[in-house]
Amino acid sequence: MGEFDYEYLKFPFLAAILRESIIEDTLSNCLRSCKDYWIETLRSHDERRAIRQYARELIEYRNKGISPPKSHRANRPTPPLPETKKVEDASLSKSNDENDSSF
């Protein structure tokens, strides 16, 4: 998905696969692939952490013998703001360095 500009679809897709494989037990062969490979394809470290946490929560529900509420979803972290300010800060810093000869 990421190779074809569908990176934004990976997180919800993995959440659905994890729910099906852990809770519904319909994709039991996918769980190991998700754990060992597919989760690591998420580019965002925060998304990888969030999807792992979601998997742990689902496993806890399964181990207790109860189903999670239908409203229980993976909490996707908010993406960081674009870093356009970095370019402005770098140019300001450079001009300040040129004007500051006290060092």
Protein backbone atom coordinates (compact mmCIF):
# COMPACT_ATOMS: atom_id res chain seq x y z
CA MET A 1 0.00 0.00 0.00
CA GLY A 2 2.77 2.41 0.89
CA GLU A 3 4.52 1.83 -2.42
CA PHE A 4 1.40 3.03 -4.27
CA ASP A 5 0.79 6.15 -2.14
CA TYR A 6 -1.76 4.47 0.14
CA GLU A 7 0.28 4.73 3.32
CA TYR A 8 -2.73 6.26 5.08
CA LEU A 9 -4.68 3.01 4.58
CA LYS A 10 -2.14 0.73 6.31
CA PHE A 11 -3.13 1.57 9.88
CA PRO A 12 -6.89 0.90 9.55
CA PHE A 13 -6.19 -2.18 7.44
CA LEU A 14 -3.86 -3.63 10.08
CA ALA A 15 -6.36 -2.79 12.82
CA ALA A 16 -9.05 -4.74 10.95
CA ILE A 17 -6.73 -7.70 10.32
CA LEU A 18 -5.69 -7.79 13.98
CA ARG A 19 -9.29 -7.71 15.18
CA GLU A 20 -10.26 -10.50 12.78
CA SER A 21 -7.28 -12.67 13.68
CA ILE A 22 -7.29 -12.14 17.46
CA ILE A 23 -10.97 -11.71 18.37
CA GLU A 24 -12.92 -13.31 15.54
CA ASP A 25 -10.31 -16.05 14.94
CA THR A 26 -11.06 -15.96 11.20
CA LEU A 27 -7.54 -15.06 10.04
CA SER A 28 -5.46 -17.03 12.51
CA ASN A 29 -2.60 -17.49 10.03
CA CYS A 30 -2.21 -13.72 9.63
CA LEU A 31 -1.34 -12.91 13.23
CA ARG A 32 2.29 -13.95 13.03
CA SER A 33 2.76 -12.13 9.70
CA CYS A 34 1.31 -8.97 11.22
CA LYS A 35 3.56 -9.22 14.24
CA ASP A 36 6.74 -10.13 12.39
CA TYR A 37 6.36 -8.10 9.21
CA TRP A 38 3.31 -5.98 8.41
CA ILE A 39 3.34 -3.77 11.50
CA GLU A 40 6.96 -2.90 10.74
CA THR A 41 5.94 -1.56 7.32
CA LEU A 42 4.19 1.38 8.98
CA ARG A 43 6.48 4.35 8.40
CA SER A 44 5.39 6.23 11.49
CA HIS A 45 6.97 5.07 14.74
CA ASP A 46 3.93 6.40 16.63
CA GLU A 47 1.56 4.38 14.45
CA ARG A 48 3.62 1.22 15.00
CA ARG A 49 3.49 1.79 18.74
CA ALA A 50 -0.28 2.46 18.66
CA ILE A 51 -1.09 -0.64 16.58
CA ARG A 52 1.02 -2.83 18.88
CA GLN A 53 -0.86 -1.42 21.87
CA TYR A 54 -4.16 -2.19 20.13
CA ALA A 55 -3.04 -5.78 19.50
CA ARG A 56 -2.08 -6.17 23.18
CA GLU A 57 -5.50 -4.86 24.23
CA LEU A 58 -7.25 -7.32 21.92
CA ILE A 59 -5.17 -10.19 23.28
CA GLU A 60 -6.11 -9.16 26.84
CA TYR A 61 -9.79 -9.26 25.91
CA ARG A 62 -9.36 -12.67 24.28
CA ASN A 63 -7.45 -14.05 27.28
CA LYS A 64 -10.23 -12.89 29.60
CA GLY A 65 -12.75 -14.64 27.39
CA ILE A 66 -14.72 -11.52 26.56
CA SER A 67 -15.25 -9.59 23.38
CA PRO A 68 -14.18 -5.96 23.24
CA PRO A 69 -16.98 -3.45 22.78
CA LYS A 70 -17.81 -2.63 19.16
CA SER A 71 -16.65 0.92 19.86
CA HIS A 72 -13.15 -0.28 20.82
CA ARG A 73 -10.85 0.94 18.06
CA ALA A 74 -7.16 1.41 17.48
CA ASN A 75 -6.22 4.97 18.43
CA ARG A 76 -4.34 6.37 15.48
CA PRO A 77 -1.92 9.08 16.59
CA THR A 78 -2.28 12.49 15.02
CA PRO A 79 0.36 13.16 12.38
CA PRO A 80 2.94 15.83 13.19
CA LEU A 81 2.53 19.26 11.65
CA PRO A 82 4.40 19.91 8.42
CA GLU A 83 7.90 21.18 9.02
CA THR A 84 7.81 24.30 6.85
CA LYS A 85 8.77 26.44 9.81
CA LYS A 86 12.15 24.68 9.96
CA VAL A 87 13.26 26.39 6.73
CA GLU A 88 12.23 29.79 8.08
CA ASP A 89 14.00 29.15 11.40
CA ALA A 90 17.18 28.09 9.64
CA SER A 91 17.30 31.27 7.55
CA LEU A 92 16.61 33.43 10.62
CA SER A 93 19.29 31.62 12.56
CA LYS A 94 21.81 32.14 9.77
CA SER A 95 21.10 35.87 9.57
CA ASN A 96 21.34 36.18 13.36
CA ASP A 97 24.69 34.34 13.35
CA GLU A 98 26.07 36.73 10.73
CA ASN A 99 24.99 39.77 12.76
CA ASP A 100 26.20 38.41 16.10
CA SER A 101 29.95 38.74 16.37
CA SER A 102 30.12 38.55 20.16
CA PHE A 103 31.22 34.91 20.12
